[in-house]
């Protein structure tokens, strides 16, 4: 599993993550989930925290880009619209062109005040 400190320090030479461009105070962000699957229509994320519809999250891609995304639509495994995520459960978001770079094991994080 992941621990918060994993993303609060610079990556080591053997890390699959590249340094993130820009300066971000890691105390402002919290690990929110992990992409488990990415299809042509949906992105599946295993939630690590409760996130409400409308919350802004960031995906940390393997090439160092940070993709901003607002959770305007959240679905559960049955395809029903939900108002918030449940820690430990998988939720789904519609895939858009900007989310095309997401792959399994991409990390999602959110501002601490978004929880």
C-alpha atoms as a PDB file:
ATOM      1  CA  UNK A   1       0.000   0.000   0.000  1.00  0.00           C
ATOM      2  CA  UNK A   2       0.852   3.641  -0.050  1.00  0.00           C
ATOM      3  CA  UNK A   3       1.600   5.895   2.857  1.00  0.00           C
ATOM      4  CA  UNK A   4       1.204   9.681   2.826  1.00  0.00           C
ATOM      5  CA  UNK A   5       4.940  10.280   3.272  1.00  0.00           C
ATOM      6  CA  UNK A   6       5.606   8.452   0.026  1.00  0.00           C
ATOM      7  CA  UNK A   7       4.370  11.510  -1.874  1.00  0.00           C
ATOM      8  CA  UNK A   8       5.728  14.147   0.479  1.00  0.00           C
ATOM      9  CA  UNK A   9       9.374  13.607  -0.406  1.00  0.00           C
ATOM     10  CA  UNK A  10      11.247  13.874  -3.708  1.00  0.00           C
ATOM     11  CA  UNK A  11      11.304  10.633  -5.738  1.00  0.00           C
ATOM     12  CA  UNK A  12      14.428   8.516  -5.512  1.00  0.00           C
ATOM     13  CA  UNK A  13      16.385   7.408  -8.583  1.00  0.00           C
ATOM     14  CA  UNK A  14      14.474   4.112  -8.780  1.00  0.00           C
ATOM     15  CA  UNK A  15      11.013   5.713  -8.472  1.00  0.00           C
ATOM     16  CA  UNK A  16       8.520   5.291 -11.297  1.00  0.00           C
ATOM     17  CA  UNK A  17       7.321   8.836 -10.557  1.00  0.00           C
ATOM     18  CA  UNK A  18       9.168  11.811 -11.960  1.00  0.00           C
ATOM     19  CA  UNK A  19       9.553  15.073 -10.024  1.00  0.00           C
ATOM     20  CA  UNK A  20       6.355  17.098 -10.160  1.00  0.00           C
ATOM     21  CA  UNK A  21       6.645  20.379 -11.974  1.00  0.00           C
ATOM     22  CA  UNK A  22       5.998  23.375  -9.761  1.00  0.00           C
ATOM     23  CA  UNK A  23       6.164  23.859  -6.048  1.00  0.00           C
ATOM     24  CA  UNK A  24       3.405  22.334  -3.943  1.00  0.00           C
ATOM     25  CA  UNK A  25       3.298  22.196  -0.187  1.00  0.00           C
ATOM     26  CA  UNK A  26       2.620  18.483   0.500  1.00  0.00           C
ATOM     27  CA  UNK A  27       0.813  19.354   3.739  1.00  0.00           C
ATOM     28  CA  UNK A  28      -1.965  20.884   1.599  1.00  0.00           C
ATOM     29  CA  UNK A  29      -2.688  17.614  -0.233  1.00  0.00           C
ATOM     30  CA  UNK A  30      -3.722  14.136   0.848  1.00  0.00           C
ATOM     31  CA  UNK A  31      -3.665  10.784  -0.912  1.00  0.00           C
ATOM     32  CA  UNK A  32      -7.233  10.374  -2.205  1.00  0.00           C
ATOM     33  CA  UNK A  33      -7.091   7.195  -4.257  1.00  0.00           C
ATOM     34  CA  UNK A  34      -5.439   5.044  -6.874  1.00  0.00           C
ATOM     35  CA  UNK A  35      -6.533   4.378 -10.457  1.00  0.00           C
ATOM     36  CA  UNK A  36      -7.291   0.664 -10.806  1.00  0.00           C
ATOM     37  CA  UNK A  37      -8.526   0.604 -14.394  1.00  0.00           C
ATOM     38  CA  UNK A  38      -8.815   2.948 -17.353  1.00  0.00           C
ATOM     39  CA  UNK A  39     -11.061   2.057 -20.287  1.00  0.00           C
ATOM     40  CA  UNK A  40     -12.125   4.093 -23.298  1.00  0.00           C
ATOM     41  CA  UNK A  41     -15.212   5.313 -21.389  1.00  0.00           C
ATOM     42  CA  UNK A  42     -14.457   5.208 -17.649  1.00  0.00           C
ATOM     43  CA  UNK A  43     -11.695   5.560 -15.084  1.00  0.00           C
ATOM     44  CA  UNK A  44     -11.959   3.361 -11.995  1.00  0.00           C
ATOM     45  CA  UNK A  45     -10.414   4.721  -8.780  1.00  0.00           C
ATOM     46  CA  UNK A  46     -10.093   2.940  -5.435  1.00  0.00           C
ATOM     47  CA  UNK A  47     -10.918   5.661  -2.910  1.00  0.00           C
ATOM     48  CA  UNK A  48      -8.681   6.262   0.074  1.00  0.00           C
ATOM     49  CA  UNK A  49     -10.907   9.041   1.398  1.00  0.00           C
ATOM     50  CA  UNK A  50     -14.442  10.367   1.207  1.00  0.00           C
ATOM     51  CA  UNK A  51     -14.697  12.785  -1.700  1.00  0.00           C
ATOM     52  CA  UNK A  52     -17.904  14.640  -2.482  1.00  0.00           C
ATOM     53  CA  UNK A  53     -19.243  15.349  -5.934  1.00  0.00           C
ATOM     54  CA  UNK A  54     -17.764  18.670  -7.036  1.00  0.00           C
ATOM     55  CA  UNK A  55     -14.435  18.118  -5.249  1.00  0.00           C
ATOM     56  CA  UNK A  56     -11.260  18.858  -7.177  1.00  0.00           C
ATOM     57  CA  UNK A  57      -8.664  16.126  -7.406  1.00  0.00           C
ATOM     58  CA  UNK A  58      -5.279  15.856  -9.056  1.00  0.00           C
ATOM     59  CA  UNK A  59      -3.888  12.825 -10.824  1.00  0.00           C
ATOM     60  CA  UNK A  60      -0.105  12.412 -10.639  1.00  0.00           C
ATOM     61  CA  UNK A  61       0.938  10.807 -13.909  1.00  0.00           C
ATOM     62  CA  UNK A  62       4.060   8.734 -14.339  1.00  0.00           C
ATOM     63  CA  UNK A  63       5.679  11.385 -16.561  1.00  0.00           C
ATOM     64  CA  UNK A  64       5.417  14.117 -13.915  1.00  0.00           C
ATOM     65  CA  UNK A  65       2.296  15.891 -15.172  1.00  0.00           C
ATOM     66  CA  UNK A  66      -0.455  16.814 -12.745  1.00  0.00           C
ATOM     67  CA  UNK A  67      -3.938  16.526 -14.237  1.00  0.00           C
ATOM     68  CA  UNK A  68      -6.615  18.607 -12.502  1.00  0.00           C
ATOM     69  CA  UNK A  69     -10.117  17.136 -12.472  1.00  0.00           C
ATOM     70  CA  UNK A  70     -13.392  18.130 -10.849  1.00  0.00           C
ATOM     71  CA  UNK A  71     -15.610  15.236  -9.742  1.00  0.00           C
ATOM     72  CA  UNK A  72     -18.756  16.447 -11.457  1.00  0.00           C
ATOM     73  CA  UNK A  73     -20.004  12.889 -12.033  1.00  0.00           C
ATOM     74  CA  UNK A  74     -19.257   9.917  -9.752  1.00  0.00           C
ATOM     75  CA  UNK A  75     -20.652   6.407 -10.259  1.00  0.00           C
ATOM     76  CA  UNK A  76     -20.606   3.254  -8.170  1.00  0.00           C
ATOM     77  CA  UNK A  77     -19.981  -0.247  -9.531  1.00  0.00           C
ATOM     78  CA  UNK A  78     -23.594  -0.667 -10.641  1.00  0.00           C
ATOM     79  CA  UNK A  79     -23.471   2.549 -12.679  1.00  0.00           C
ATOM     80  CA  UNK A  80     -25.635   4.528 -10.253  1.00  0.00           C
ATOM     81  CA  UNK A  81     -24.785   8.180  -9.648  1.00  0.00           C
ATOM     82  CA  UNK A  82     -23.414   8.746  -6.139  1.00  0.00           C
ATOM     83  CA  UNK A  83     -22.900  11.926  -4.140  1.00  0.00           C
ATOM     84  CA  UNK A  84     -19.636  10.911  -2.505  1.00  0.00           C
ATOM     85  CA  UNK A  85     -17.030   8.191  -2.483  1.00  0.00           C
ATOM     86  CA  UNK A  86     -16.518   5.607   0.251  1.00  0.00           C
ATOM     87  CA  UNK A  87     -12.967   4.842   1.459  1.00  0.00           C
ATOM     88  CA  UNK A  88     -11.895   1.411   0.239  1.00  0.00           C
ATOM     89  CA  UNK A  89     -14.558   1.231  -2.487  1.00  0.00           C
ATOM     90  CA  UNK A  90     -14.020   1.708  -6.203  1.00  0.00           C
ATOM     91  CA  UNK A  91     -15.763   4.634  -7.875  1.00  0.00           C
ATOM     92  CA  UNK A  92     -15.951   5.528 -11.541  1.00  0.00           C
ATOM     93  CA  UNK A  93     -15.645   8.793 -13.440  1.00  0.00           C
ATOM     94  CA  UNK A  94     -16.302   9.413 -17.134  1.00  0.00           C
ATOM     95  CA  UNK A  95     -13.145   9.446 -19.202  1.00  0.00           C
ATOM     96  CA  UNK A  96     -12.443  12.637 -21.109  1.00  0.00           C
ATOM     97  CA  UNK A  97      -9.619  13.546 -23.440  1.00  0.00           C
ATOM     98  CA  UNK A  98      -7.666  15.163 -20.610  1.00  0.00           C
ATOM     99  CA  UNK A  99      -7.893  11.921 -18.608  1.00  0.00           C
ATOM    100  CA  UNK A 100      -6.593   9.790 -21.489  1.00  0.00           C
ATOM    101  CA  UNK A 101      -3.103   9.669 -19.919  1.00  0.00           C
ATOM    102  CA  UNK A 102      -4.388   7.886 -16.816  1.00  0.00           C
ATOM    103  CA  UNK A 103      -3.211   4.323 -16.343  1.00  0.00           C
ATOM    104  CA  UNK A 104      -3.545   1.803 -13.519  1.00  0.00           C
ATOM    105  CA  UNK A 105      -1.582   2.826 -10.407  1.00  0.00           C
ATOM    106  CA  UNK A 106      -1.872   6.539 -11.187  1.00  0.00           C
ATOM    107  CA  UNK A 107      -2.218   8.341  -7.863  1.00  0.00           C
ATOM    108  CA  UNK A 108      -5.061  10.742  -7.089  1.00  0.00           C
ATOM    109  CA  UNK A 109      -4.754  13.365  -4.400  1.00  0.00           C
ATOM    110  CA  UNK A 110      -6.977  16.145  -3.117  1.00  0.00           C
ATOM    111  CA  UNK A 111      -6.571  19.320  -1.134  1.00  0.00           C
ATOM    112  CA  UNK A 112      -7.030  18.598   2.541  1.00  0.00           C
ATOM    113  CA  UNK A 113     -10.022  20.980   2.765  1.00  0.00           C
ATOM    114  CA  UNK A 114     -11.826  19.032  -0.011  1.00  0.00           C
ATOM    115  CA  UNK A 115     -12.408  16.048   2.321  1.00  0.00           C
END
